[in-house]
Amino acid sequence: MGLASFKMAKTVLKSLFKKPATAMYPAVPREWTERTRGHVSIIEENCILCGICARKCPTNAISVDRKGKIWTINRMSCIQCESCVEACPKKCLAMAPSYTPPNVEKVTDVFEIPLPDKEKTEA
């Protein structure tokens, strides 16, 4: 019993004088590495609602409603594989270097895409 207490006391004393292994997250912002995938972000002005990203998504996390001009991503289904980003012909999708914040509910982000009117482009 005495040897185990000594080992535990040694560990406690070592930990008291060491620098913490973790950062104080909200106070100290996280430093993202170069290869961090993070989450999918969209530049709404560049999107043409072609739907290629939705077809390439292996988890069906992305849906495109061309008539309603809506691009939707279910953040909890997305596995950050970057397939949609690589497939996008207009390069309006990117991997932002941050993660979706934890939540008790499934998060679905809905983006209204401003497509140009045909009348304005023909004139």
Protein backbone atom coordinates (compact mmCIF):
# COMPACT_ATOMS: atom_id res chain seq x y z
CA MET A 1 0.00 0.00 0.00
CA GLY A 2 2.86 2.37 0.78
CA LEU A 3 4.58 1.92 -2.60
CA ALA A 4 1.38 2.70 -4.54
CA SER A 5 0.81 5.86 -2.48
CA PHE A 6 4.38 6.97 -3.13
CA LYS A 7 3.95 6.51 -6.94
CA MET A 8 0.71 8.46 -6.88
CA ALA A 9 2.25 11.28 -4.81
CA LYS A 10 5.19 11.42 -7.23
CA THR A 11 2.78 11.76 -10.18
CA VAL A 12 0.77 14.47 -8.42
CA LEU A 13 3.89 16.50 -7.57
CA LYS A 14 5.18 16.18 -11.14
CA SER A 15 1.86 17.41 -12.50
CA LEU A 16 1.81 20.42 -10.18
CA PHE A 17 4.99 21.89 -11.64
CA LYS A 18 4.44 21.02 -15.32
CA LYS A 19 2.91 23.18 -17.97
CA PRO A 20 -0.67 22.06 -18.77
CA ALA A 21 -1.01 19.63 -21.67
CA THR A 22 -4.13 21.36 -22.95
CA ALA A 23 -4.90 24.95 -23.89
CA MET A 24 -7.57 26.96 -22.14
CA TYR A 25 -9.75 26.86 -25.26
CA PRO A 26 -12.11 29.81 -25.15
CA ALA A 27 -9.46 32.12 -23.72
CA VAL A 28 -6.59 30.84 -25.89
CA PRO A 29 -7.61 30.31 -29.54
CA ARG A 30 -6.61 27.03 -31.10
CA GLU A 31 -3.75 27.00 -33.61
CA TRP A 32 -4.80 24.98 -36.65
CA THR A 33 -2.22 22.95 -38.53
CA GLU A 34 -1.82 23.33 -42.27
CA ARG A 35 -3.49 20.01 -43.08
CA THR A 36 -6.57 20.47 -40.87
CA ARG A 37 -9.72 19.63 -42.80
CA GLY A 38 -12.23 21.25 -40.48
CA HIS A 39 -15.70 21.77 -42.00
CA VAL A 40 -17.15 22.55 -45.40
CA SER A 41 -17.79 26.23 -46.11
CA ILE A 42 -19.50 27.72 -49.15
CA ILE A 43 -19.10 30.97 -51.06
CA GLU A 44 -22.77 31.50 -51.89
CA GLU A 45 -22.21 34.05 -54.68
CA ASN A 46 -20.15 31.57 -56.74
CA CYS A 47 -22.49 28.56 -56.39
CA ILE A 48 -24.56 27.62 -59.45
CA LEU A 49 -26.55 24.86 -57.66
CA CYS A 50 -25.32 22.19 -60.08
CA GLY A 51 -25.66 19.43 -57.45
CA ILE A 52 -22.34 17.71 -58.19
CA CYS A 53 -21.27 18.17 -54.57
CA ALA A 54 -24.42 16.38 -53.37
CA ARG A 55 -23.84 13.47 -55.76
CA LYS A 56 -20.19 13.10 -54.70
CA CYS A 57 -20.94 13.19 -50.95
CA PRO A 58 -20.56 9.59 -49.63
CA THR A 59 -22.82 10.23 -46.61
CA ASN A 60 -25.49 12.28 -48.42
CA ALA A 61 -24.87 15.16 -46.02
CA ILE A 62 -25.39 17.75 -48.79
CA SER A 63 -28.65 18.43 -50.59
CA VAL A 64 -29.32 20.93 -53.36
CA ASP A 65 -32.77 22.33 -54.18
CA ARG A 66 -32.34 24.11 -57.50
CA LYS A 67 -35.96 25.35 -57.69
CA GLY A 68 -35.92 26.71 -54.14
CA LYS A 69 -32.36 28.06 -54.59
CA ILE A 70 -31.26 26.32 -51.38
CA TRP A 71 -28.00 24.50 -50.56
CA THR A 72 -28.13 22.45 -47.35
CA ILE A 73 -25.51 20.54 -45.37
CA ASN A 74 -26.15 18.30 -42.39
CA ARG A 75 -23.04 19.00 -40.28
CA MET A 76 -23.41 15.88 -38.13
CA SER A 77 -23.48 13.59 -41.19
CA CYS A 78 -20.50 15.23 -42.92
CA ILE A 79 -17.28 13.23 -42.48
CA GLN A 80 -14.98 16.00 -43.78
CA CYS A 81 -13.71 13.78 -46.62
CA GLU A 82 -13.36 16.76 -48.99
CA SER A 83 -15.03 14.92 -51.92
CA CYS A 84 -17.49 17.75 -52.47
CA VAL A 85 -14.73 20.37 -52.45
CA GLU A 86 -12.70 18.48 -55.07
CA ALA A 87 -15.76 17.91 -57.28
CA CYS A 88 -17.10 21.48 -57.28
CA PRO A 89 -16.67 22.96 -60.80
CA LYS A 90 -16.95 26.60 -59.60
CA LYS A 91 -14.64 26.09 -56.57
CA CYS A 92 -17.20 27.67 -54.26
CA LEU A 93 -16.67 25.00 -51.58
CA ALA A 94 -13.66 24.97 -49.25
CA MET A 95 -12.54 23.32 -46.04
CA ALA A 96 -12.55 25.93 -43.26
CA PRO A 97 -9.93 25.32 -40.53
CA SER A 98 -12.40 24.92 -37.67
CA TYR A 99 -14.81 22.26 -36.51
CA THR A 100 -18.55 22.27 -36.04
CA PRO A 101 -19.20 23.15 -32.41
CA PRO A 102 -20.61 20.29 -30.31
CA ASN A 103 -24.36 20.28 -29.93
CA VAL A 104 -27.07 18.04 -28.52
CA GLU A 105 -29.12 18.37 -31.71
CA LYS A 106 -28.23 17.59 -35.30
CA VAL A 107 -27.08 20.80 -37.01
CA THR A 108 -28.28 21.48 -40.54
CA ASP A 109 -27.04 24.65 -42.20
CA VAL A 110 -29.24 26.09 -44.94
CA PHE A 111 -27.90 28.62 -47.44
CA GLU A 112 -30.05 30.60 -49.86
CA ILE A 113 -28.11 30.92 -53.10
CA PRO A 114 -28.61 34.16 -55.07
CA LEU A 115 -28.71 32.93 -58.69
CA PRO A 116 -28.66 35.69 -61.33
CA ASP A 117 -31.98 36.27 -63.10
CA LYS A 118 -32.08 35.18 -66.74
CA GLU A 119 -33.65 38.49 -67.78
CA LYS A 120 -30.77 40.47 -66.29
CA THR A 121 -28.07 38.33 -67.90
CA GLU A 122 -29.72 38.42 -71.37
CA ALA A 123 -30.19 42.21 -71.39
